[in-house]
């Protein structure tokens, strides 16, 4: 199986690291479904990462493998829910 880990990457996120390099990774997981079967992933420990922009005028989310190659889901519908939380700073 070519895909060992799935990474959800978002262009406006900050604060995550891979190999001591800053990345835009929201979540990494190892799929527990065989190829061709539905993958359902719900993060167990939610960590809110900082947003790297002052104004959100576009959001790009990519689903990539461990080599940062985009995963081909063969036109299947993919649903991702982003939860943004405003932090009041004094």
C-alpha atoms as a PDB file:
ATOM      1  CA  UNK A   1       0.000   0.000   0.000  1.00  0.00           C
ATOM      2  CA  UNK A   2       1.559   3.288  -1.109  1.00  0.00           C
ATOM      3  CA  UNK A   3      -0.177   5.499   1.481  1.00  0.00           C
ATOM      4  CA  UNK A   4       1.229   4.880   4.949  1.00  0.00           C
ATOM      5  CA  UNK A   5       0.002   8.102   6.547  1.00  0.00           C
ATOM      6  CA  UNK A   6      -2.570  10.704   5.578  1.00  0.00           C
ATOM      7  CA  UNK A   7      -1.905  14.363   6.277  1.00  0.00           C
ATOM      8  CA  UNK A   8      -4.510  17.123   6.242  1.00  0.00           C
ATOM      9  CA  UNK A   9      -2.733  20.334   5.220  1.00  0.00           C
ATOM     10  CA  UNK A  10      -4.264  23.821   5.361  1.00  0.00           C
ATOM     11  CA  UNK A  11      -2.654  26.984   3.994  1.00  0.00           C
ATOM     12  CA  UNK A  12      -3.720  29.235   6.902  1.00  0.00           C
ATOM     13  CA  UNK A  13      -2.545  27.059   9.800  1.00  0.00           C
ATOM     14  CA  UNK A  14       0.701  27.472  11.704  1.00  0.00           C
ATOM     15  CA  UNK A  15       2.383  25.878  14.686  1.00  0.00           C
ATOM     16  CA  UNK A  16       2.911  22.316  13.497  1.00  0.00           C
ATOM     17  CA  UNK A  17       6.295  20.775  12.775  1.00  0.00           C
ATOM     18  CA  UNK A  18       7.645  17.812  10.859  1.00  0.00           C
ATOM     19  CA  UNK A  19      11.347  16.968  11.129  1.00  0.00           C
ATOM     20  CA  UNK A  20      11.990  20.290  12.920  1.00  0.00           C
ATOM     21  CA  UNK A  21      10.515  22.249  10.006  1.00  0.00           C
ATOM     22  CA  UNK A  22       7.398  24.412  10.286  1.00  0.00           C
ATOM     23  CA  UNK A  23       4.506  22.950   8.311  1.00  0.00           C
ATOM     24  CA  UNK A  24       0.812  23.673   7.678  1.00  0.00           C
ATOM     25  CA  UNK A  25      -0.333  20.247   8.884  1.00  0.00           C
ATOM     26  CA  UNK A  26      -3.647  20.111  10.759  1.00  0.00           C
ATOM     27  CA  UNK A  27      -3.781  16.367  11.362  1.00  0.00           C
ATOM     28  CA  UNK A  28      -1.844  13.196  10.543  1.00  0.00           C
ATOM     29  CA  UNK A  29      -3.291   9.719  10.832  1.00  0.00           C
ATOM     30  CA  UNK A  30      -2.736   6.183   9.619  1.00  0.00           C
ATOM     31  CA  UNK A  31      -5.727   4.881   7.636  1.00  0.00           C
ATOM     32  CA  UNK A  32      -7.368   1.816   9.138  1.00  0.00           C
ATOM     33  CA  UNK A  33      -9.424   0.949   6.052  1.00  0.00           C
ATOM     34  CA  UNK A  34      -8.356  -1.146   3.108  1.00  0.00           C
ATOM     35  CA  UNK A  35      -8.033   0.545  -0.302  1.00  0.00           C
ATOM     36  CA  UNK A  36     -11.472   1.139  -1.780  1.00  0.00           C
ATOM     37  CA  UNK A  37     -13.209   1.283   1.601  1.00  0.00           C
ATOM     38  CA  UNK A  38     -14.517   4.320   3.433  1.00  0.00           C
ATOM     39  CA  UNK A  39     -12.091   6.075   5.780  1.00  0.00           C
ATOM     40  CA  UNK A  40     -13.653   7.693   8.839  1.00  0.00           C
ATOM     41  CA  UNK A  41     -11.221   9.661  10.997  1.00  0.00           C
ATOM     42  CA  UNK A  42     -12.155  11.646  14.081  1.00  0.00           C
ATOM     43  CA  UNK A  43      -9.246  13.257  15.965  1.00  0.00           C
ATOM     44  CA  UNK A  44      -9.264  12.150  19.594  1.00  0.00           C
ATOM     45  CA  UNK A  45      -7.199  15.015  21.010  1.00  0.00           C
ATOM     46  CA  UNK A  46      -8.182  18.298  19.417  1.00  0.00           C
ATOM     47  CA  UNK A  47      -5.417  20.886  19.355  1.00  0.00           C
ATOM     48  CA  UNK A  48      -6.212  24.366  18.094  1.00  0.00           C
ATOM     49  CA  UNK A  49      -3.377  25.695  15.953  1.00  0.00           C
ATOM     50  CA  UNK A  50      -2.868  29.403  15.334  1.00  0.00           C
ATOM     51  CA  UNK A  51      -4.103  30.952  12.101  1.00  0.00           C
ATOM     52  CA  UNK A  52      -1.202  32.462  10.166  1.00  0.00           C
ATOM     53  CA  UNK A  53      -3.156  35.298   8.491  1.00  0.00           C
ATOM     54  CA  UNK A  54      -5.037  38.325   9.838  1.00  0.00           C
ATOM     55  CA  UNK A  55      -7.833  38.109   7.253  1.00  0.00           C
ATOM     56  CA  UNK A  56      -9.100  34.847   5.802  1.00  0.00           C
ATOM     57  CA  UNK A  57      -9.927  35.449   2.161  1.00  0.00           C
ATOM     58  CA  UNK A  58      -9.360  31.872   1.025  1.00  0.00           C
ATOM     59  CA  UNK A  59      -8.672  28.502   2.578  1.00  0.00           C
ATOM     60  CA  UNK A  60      -6.943  25.661   0.749  1.00  0.00           C
ATOM     61  CA  UNK A  61      -7.049  22.179   2.247  1.00  0.00           C
ATOM     62  CA  UNK A  62      -5.020  19.344   0.742  1.00  0.00           C
ATOM     63  CA  UNK A  63      -4.965  15.661   1.629  1.00  0.00           C
ATOM     64  CA  UNK A  64      -1.488  14.294   1.060  1.00  0.00           C
ATOM     65  CA  UNK A  65       0.498  11.174   1.884  1.00  0.00           C
ATOM     66  CA  UNK A  66       3.708  10.800   3.879  1.00  0.00           C
ATOM     67  CA  UNK A  67       5.707  12.102   0.883  1.00  0.00           C
ATOM     68  CA  UNK A  68       3.484  15.218   0.511  1.00  0.00           C
ATOM     69  CA  UNK A  69       1.964  13.801  -2.693  1.00  0.00           C
ATOM     70  CA  UNK A  70      -1.732  14.562  -3.181  1.00  0.00           C
ATOM     71  CA  UNK A  71      -3.853  11.456  -2.632  1.00  0.00           C
ATOM     72  CA  UNK A  72      -6.114  10.472  -5.526  1.00  0.00           C
ATOM     73  CA  UNK A  73      -9.548   9.538  -4.178  1.00  0.00           C
ATOM     74  CA  UNK A  74     -10.836   8.849  -7.708  1.00  0.00           C
ATOM     75  CA  UNK A  75     -13.568  11.486  -7.637  1.00  0.00           C
ATOM     76  CA  UNK A  76     -15.075  10.227  -4.376  1.00  0.00           C
ATOM     77  CA  UNK A  77     -16.709  12.864  -2.190  1.00  0.00           C
ATOM     78  CA  UNK A  78     -14.466  13.987   0.667  1.00  0.00           C
ATOM     79  CA  UNK A  79     -15.861  15.809   3.695  1.00  0.00           C
ATOM     80  CA  UNK A  80     -13.602  17.792   6.024  1.00  0.00           C
ATOM     81  CA  UNK A  81     -14.872  19.956   8.858  1.00  0.00           C
ATOM     82  CA  UNK A  82     -12.697  22.814  10.085  1.00  0.00           C
ATOM     83  CA  UNK A  83     -13.413  24.338  13.461  1.00  0.00           C
ATOM     84  CA  UNK A  84     -12.069  27.854  13.938  1.00  0.00           C
ATOM     85  CA  UNK A  85     -12.060  29.265  17.432  1.00  0.00           C
ATOM     86  CA  UNK A  86     -11.596  32.933  18.241  1.00  0.00           C
ATOM     87  CA  UNK A  87      -9.223  33.553  21.126  1.00  0.00           C
ATOM     88  CA  UNK A  88      -9.731  36.818  22.972  1.00  0.00           C
ATOM     89  CA  UNK A  89      -6.366  38.387  23.599  1.00  0.00           C
ATOM     90  CA  UNK A  90      -5.972  41.207  26.059  1.00  0.00           C
END
